[in-house]
Amino acid sequence: MSSGNLVSDNILNSIVSARLKNETKKGFILDGYPRTMTQAEFLNNFFLDTASSLDCIFDIQINFEILKNRIIKRSSEEGREDDNINVIETRYNEYLNSTQKVSNFYMDNYSSIFYKIDGSLQIEEITSKIKDILKKS
């Protein structure tokens, strides 16, 4: 992870499914999962097996230069060693090669609950947009 690579699908699927078994009745938010098509397929099968479903899918989109600058700033403020330019580029390439396909899959197959959010907005604005969508759904 510190080099910017993803945790294996098997590990994440196991962690997420164990947690969701206890959360499906109360509700849950998945942040950063699924990131691969294998994870998306696992999650969809989990929902079929447990008669659960998603209410909303948020795709927070941001320009790479803005993202890079925010992460570098966070690194200097919080002293995070995993937020260096090499890791950022590795993560972004991983996004382009894997996660963007997942986003496109959900956008194409779950368009009625798929919402694009402008990630260049301030955190408070993004939070407000998400809360407004959740109130309507």
C-alpha atoms as a PDB file:
ATOM      1  CA  MET A   1       0.000   0.000   0.000  1.00  0.00           C
ATOM      2  CA  SER A   2       2.749   2.486   0.848  1.00  0.00           C
ATOM      3  CA  SER A   3       4.092   2.127  -2.700  1.00  0.00           C
ATOM      4  CA  GLY A   4       0.668   3.016  -4.099  1.00  0.00           C
ATOM      5  CA  ASN A   5      -0.407  -0.493  -5.059  1.00  0.00           C
ATOM      6  CA  LEU A   6      -3.789  -1.897  -4.121  1.00  0.00           C
ATOM      7  CA  VAL A   7      -4.439  -4.506  -1.459  1.00  0.00           C
ATOM      8  CA  SER A   8      -5.369  -7.835  -3.072  1.00  0.00           C
ATOM      9  CA  ASP A   9      -8.965  -8.432  -4.127  1.00  0.00           C
ATOM     10  CA  ASN A  10      -9.241 -11.527  -1.917  1.00  0.00           C
ATOM     11  CA  ILE A  11      -8.192  -9.680   1.224  1.00  0.00           C
ATOM     12  CA  LEU A  12     -10.486  -6.721   0.602  1.00  0.00           C
ATOM     13  CA  ASN A  13     -13.438  -8.887  -0.427  1.00  0.00           C
ATOM     14  CA  SER A  14     -13.082 -10.896   2.763  1.00  0.00           C
ATOM     15  CA  ILE A  15     -12.900  -7.791   4.957  1.00  0.00           C
ATOM     16  CA  VAL A  16     -15.799  -6.042   3.238  1.00  0.00           C
ATOM     17  CA  SER A  17     -18.121  -9.050   3.195  1.00  0.00           C
ATOM     18  CA  ALA A  18     -17.462  -9.803   6.873  1.00  0.00           C
ATOM     19  CA  ARG A  19     -18.291  -6.222   7.780  1.00  0.00           C
ATOM     20  CA  LEU A  20     -21.311  -5.886   5.493  1.00  0.00           C
ATOM     21  CA  LYS A  21     -22.964  -8.974   6.942  1.00  0.00           C
ATOM     22  CA  ASN A  22     -23.467  -6.913  10.102  1.00  0.00           C
ATOM     23  CA  GLU A  23     -24.224  -3.596   8.417  1.00  0.00           C
ATOM     24  CA  THR A  24     -26.754  -4.275   5.656  1.00  0.00           C
ATOM     25  CA  LYS A  25     -29.751  -3.632   7.923  1.00  0.00           C
ATOM     26  CA  LYS A  26     -28.277  -0.481   9.466  1.00  0.00           C
ATOM     27  CA  GLY A  27     -26.839   0.975   6.274  1.00  0.00           C
ATOM     28  CA  PHE A  28     -23.258   1.531   5.245  1.00  0.00           C
ATOM     29  CA  ILE A  29     -20.910   3.627   3.136  1.00  0.00           C
ATOM     30  CA  LEU A  30     -18.153   2.072   1.076  1.00  0.00           C
ATOM     31  CA  ASP A  31     -15.328   4.513   0.419  1.00  0.00           C
ATOM     32  CA  GLY A  32     -12.768   3.355  -2.126  1.00  0.00           C
ATOM     33  CA  TYR A  33     -14.365  -0.039  -2.677  1.00  0.00           C
ATOM     34  CA  PRO A  34     -14.801  -1.627  -5.159  1.00  0.00           C
ATOM     35  CA  ARG A  35     -11.723  -0.546  -7.103  1.00  0.00           C
ATOM     36  CA  THR A  36     -11.403  -3.494  -9.480  1.00  0.00           C
ATOM     37  CA  MET A  37     -13.905  -5.361 -11.626  1.00  0.00           C
ATOM     38  CA  THR A  38     -13.215  -8.490  -9.569  1.00  0.00           C
ATOM     39  CA  GLN A  39     -14.256  -6.584  -6.436  1.00  0.00           C
ATOM     40  CA  ALA A  40     -17.333  -5.169  -8.211  1.00  0.00           C
ATOM     41  CA  GLU A  41     -18.410  -8.662  -9.287  1.00  0.00           C
ATOM     42  CA  PHE A  42     -17.853  -9.964  -5.758  1.00  0.00           C
ATOM     43  CA  LEU A  43     -19.911  -7.096  -4.309  1.00  0.00           C
ATOM     44  CA  ASN A  44     -22.747  -7.605  -6.785  1.00  0.00           C
ATOM     45  CA  ASN A  45     -22.842 -11.320  -5.948  1.00  0.00           C
ATOM     46  CA  PHE A  46     -22.791 -10.497  -2.237  1.00  0.00           C
ATOM     47  CA  PHE A  47     -25.872  -8.303  -2.710  1.00  0.00           C
ATOM     48  CA  LEU A  48     -27.637 -11.025  -4.672  1.00  0.00           C
ATOM     49  CA  ASP A  49     -26.828 -13.619  -1.999  1.00  0.00           C
ATOM     50  CA  THR A  50     -27.970 -11.396   0.858  1.00  0.00           C
ATOM     51  CA  ALA A  51     -30.940  -9.778  -0.927  1.00  0.00           C
ATOM     52  CA  SER A  52     -29.325  -6.381  -0.353  1.00  0.00           C
ATOM     53  CA  SER A  53     -28.754  -3.505  -2.730  1.00  0.00           C
ATOM     54  CA  LEU A  54     -27.098  -0.157  -3.158  1.00  0.00           C
ATOM     55  CA  ASP A  55     -29.067   3.058  -2.761  1.00  0.00           C
ATOM     56  CA  CYS A  56     -26.526   5.474  -4.234  1.00  0.00           C
ATOM     57  CA  ILE A  57     -23.201   5.372  -6.003  1.00  0.00           C
ATOM     58  CA  PHE A  58     -21.031   8.480  -5.934  1.00  0.00           C
ATOM     59  CA  ASP A  59     -18.173   9.053  -8.336  1.00  0.00           C
ATOM     60  CA  ILE A  60     -16.106  11.962  -7.071  1.00  0.00           C
ATOM     61  CA  GLN A  61     -14.151  13.193 -10.076  1.00  0.00           C
ATOM     62  CA  ILE A  62     -11.137  15.483  -9.908  1.00  0.00           C
ATOM     63  CA  ASN A  63      -8.433  16.702 -12.247  1.00  0.00           C
ATOM     64  CA  PHE A  64      -5.114  14.935 -11.631  1.00  0.00           C
ATOM     65  CA  GLU A  65      -3.150  18.167 -11.091  1.00  0.00           C
ATOM     66  CA  ILE A  66      -5.586  19.385  -8.427  1.00  0.00           C
ATOM     67  CA  LEU A  67      -5.535  15.950  -6.795  1.00  0.00           C
ATOM     68  CA  LYS A  68      -1.736  15.818  -6.835  1.00  0.00           C
ATOM     69  CA  ASN A  69      -1.448  19.275  -5.263  1.00  0.00           C
ATOM     70  CA  ARG A  70      -3.957  18.395  -2.526  1.00  0.00           C
ATOM     71  CA  ILE A  71      -2.190  15.160  -1.673  1.00  0.00           C
ATOM     72  CA  ILE A  72       1.238  16.807  -1.567  1.00  0.00           C
ATOM     73  CA  LYS A  73      -0.205  19.514   0.704  1.00  0.00           C
ATOM     74  CA  ARG A  74      -1.756  16.842   2.944  1.00  0.00           C
ATOM     75  CA  SER A  75       1.578  15.058   3.069  1.00  0.00           C
ATOM     76  CA  SER A  76       3.398  18.131   4.304  1.00  0.00           C
ATOM     77  CA  GLU A  77       0.689  18.949   6.860  1.00  0.00           C
ATOM     78  CA  GLU A  78       0.245  15.413   8.204  1.00  0.00           C
ATOM     79  CA  GLY A  79       3.707  13.972   7.596  1.00  0.00           C
ATOM     80  CA  ARG A  80       2.365  11.091   5.521  1.00  0.00           C
ATOM     81  CA  GLU A  81       5.197   9.183   3.916  1.00  0.00           C
ATOM     82  CA  ASP A  82       2.856   7.398   1.491  1.00  0.00           C
ATOM     83  CA  ASP A  83       1.909  10.717  -0.135  1.00  0.00           C
ATOM     84  CA  ASN A  84       4.878  11.293  -2.418  1.00  0.00           C
ATOM     85  CA  ILE A  85       4.856  11.949  -6.166  1.00  0.00           C
ATOM     86  CA  ASN A  86       5.805   8.361  -7.114  1.00  0.00           C
ATOM     87  CA  VAL A  87       3.011   6.882  -5.006  1.00  0.00           C
ATOM     88  CA  ILE A  88       0.527   9.453  -6.306  1.00  0.00           C
ATOM     89  CA  GLU A  89       1.375   8.609  -9.913  1.00  0.00           C
ATOM     90  CA  THR A  90       1.169   4.864  -9.193  1.00  0.00           C
ATOM     91  CA  ARG A  91      -2.254   5.306  -7.588  1.00  0.00           C
ATOM     92  CA  TYR A  92      -3.487   7.441 -10.470  1.00  0.00           C
ATOM     93  CA  ASN A  93      -2.302   4.908 -13.045  1.00  0.00           C
ATOM     94  CA  GLU A  94      -4.035   2.188 -11.026  1.00  0.00           C
ATOM     95  CA  TYR A  95      -7.182   4.302 -11.134  1.00  0.00           C
ATOM     96  CA  LEU A  96      -6.946   4.684 -14.917  1.00  0.00           C
ATOM     97  CA  ASN A  97      -6.265   0.968 -15.448  1.00  0.00           C
ATOM     98  CA  SER A  98      -8.742  -0.516 -12.948  1.00  0.00           C
ATOM     99  CA  THR A  99     -10.997   1.772 -10.982  1.00  0.00           C
ATOM    100  CA  GLN A 100     -12.194   3.863 -13.891  1.00  0.00           C
ATOM    101  CA  LYS A 101     -13.542   0.658 -15.485  1.00  0.00           C
ATOM    102  CA  VAL A 102     -15.507  -0.035 -12.305  1.00  0.00           C
ATOM    103  CA  SER A 103     -16.919   3.477 -12.352  1.00  0.00           C
ATOM    104  CA  ASN A 104     -17.925   3.106 -15.999  1.00  0.00           C
ATOM    105  CA  PHE A 105     -19.558  -0.254 -15.223  1.00  0.00           C
ATOM    106  CA  TYR A 106     -21.694   1.240 -12.459  1.00  0.00           C
ATOM    107  CA  MET A 107     -22.517   4.322 -14.526  1.00  0.00           C
ATOM    108  CA  ASP A 108     -23.662   2.107 -17.434  1.00  0.00           C
ATOM    109  CA  ASN A 109     -25.558  -0.457 -15.334  1.00  0.00           C
ATOM    110  CA  TYR A 110     -26.842   1.573 -12.372  1.00  0.00           C
ATOM    111  CA  SER A 111     -27.400   4.995 -13.936  1.00  0.00           C
ATOM    112  CA  SER A 112     -30.509   5.716 -11.857  1.00  0.00           C
ATOM    113  CA  ILE A 113     -28.456   5.688  -8.626  1.00  0.00           C
ATOM    114  CA  PHE A 114     -25.109   6.867 -10.064  1.00  0.00           C
ATOM    115  CA  TYR A 115     -24.068  10.435  -9.231  1.00  0.00           C
ATOM    116  CA  LYS A 116     -20.990  12.297 -10.426  1.00  0.00           C
ATOM    117  CA  ILE A 117     -19.627  14.794  -7.937  1.00  0.00           C
ATOM    118  CA  ASP A 118     -17.102  17.533  -8.731  1.00  0.00           C
ATOM    119  CA  GLY A 119     -14.117  16.695  -6.529  1.00  0.00           C
ATOM    120  CA  SER A 120     -12.482  20.070  -7.087  1.00  0.00           C
ATOM    121  CA  LEU A 121     -15.068  21.641  -4.779  1.00  0.00           C
ATOM    122  CA  GLN A 122     -14.309  22.243  -1.121  1.00  0.00           C
ATOM    123  CA  ILE A 123     -14.925  19.309   1.225  1.00  0.00           C
ATOM    124  CA  GLU A 124     -17.936  21.041   2.792  1.00  0.00           C
ATOM    125  CA  GLU A 125     -19.528  21.548  -0.646  1.00  0.00           C
ATOM    126  CA  ILE A 126     -18.954  17.925  -1.638  1.00  0.00           C
ATOM    127  CA  THR A 127     -20.427  16.744   1.669  1.00  0.00           C
ATOM    128  CA  SER A 128     -23.448  18.991   1.191  1.00  0.00           C
ATOM    129  CA  LYS A 129     -24.089  17.652  -2.331  1.00  0.00           C
ATOM    130  CA  ILE A 130     -23.868  14.061  -1.113  1.00  0.00           C
ATOM    131  CA  LYS A 131     -26.218  14.756   1.816  1.00  0.00           C
ATOM    132  CA  ASP A 132     -28.744  16.417  -0.515  1.00  0.00           C
ATOM    133  CA  ILE A 133     -28.737  13.388  -2.826  1.00  0.00           C
ATOM    134  CA  LEU A 134     -29.097  10.985   0.106  1.00  0.00           C
ATOM    135  CA  LYS A 135     -32.078  12.956   1.467  1.00  0.00           C
ATOM    136  CA  LYS A 136     -33.822  12.662  -1.924  1.00  0.00           C
ATOM    137  CA  SER A 137     -33.198   8.945  -2.322  1.00  0.00           C
END
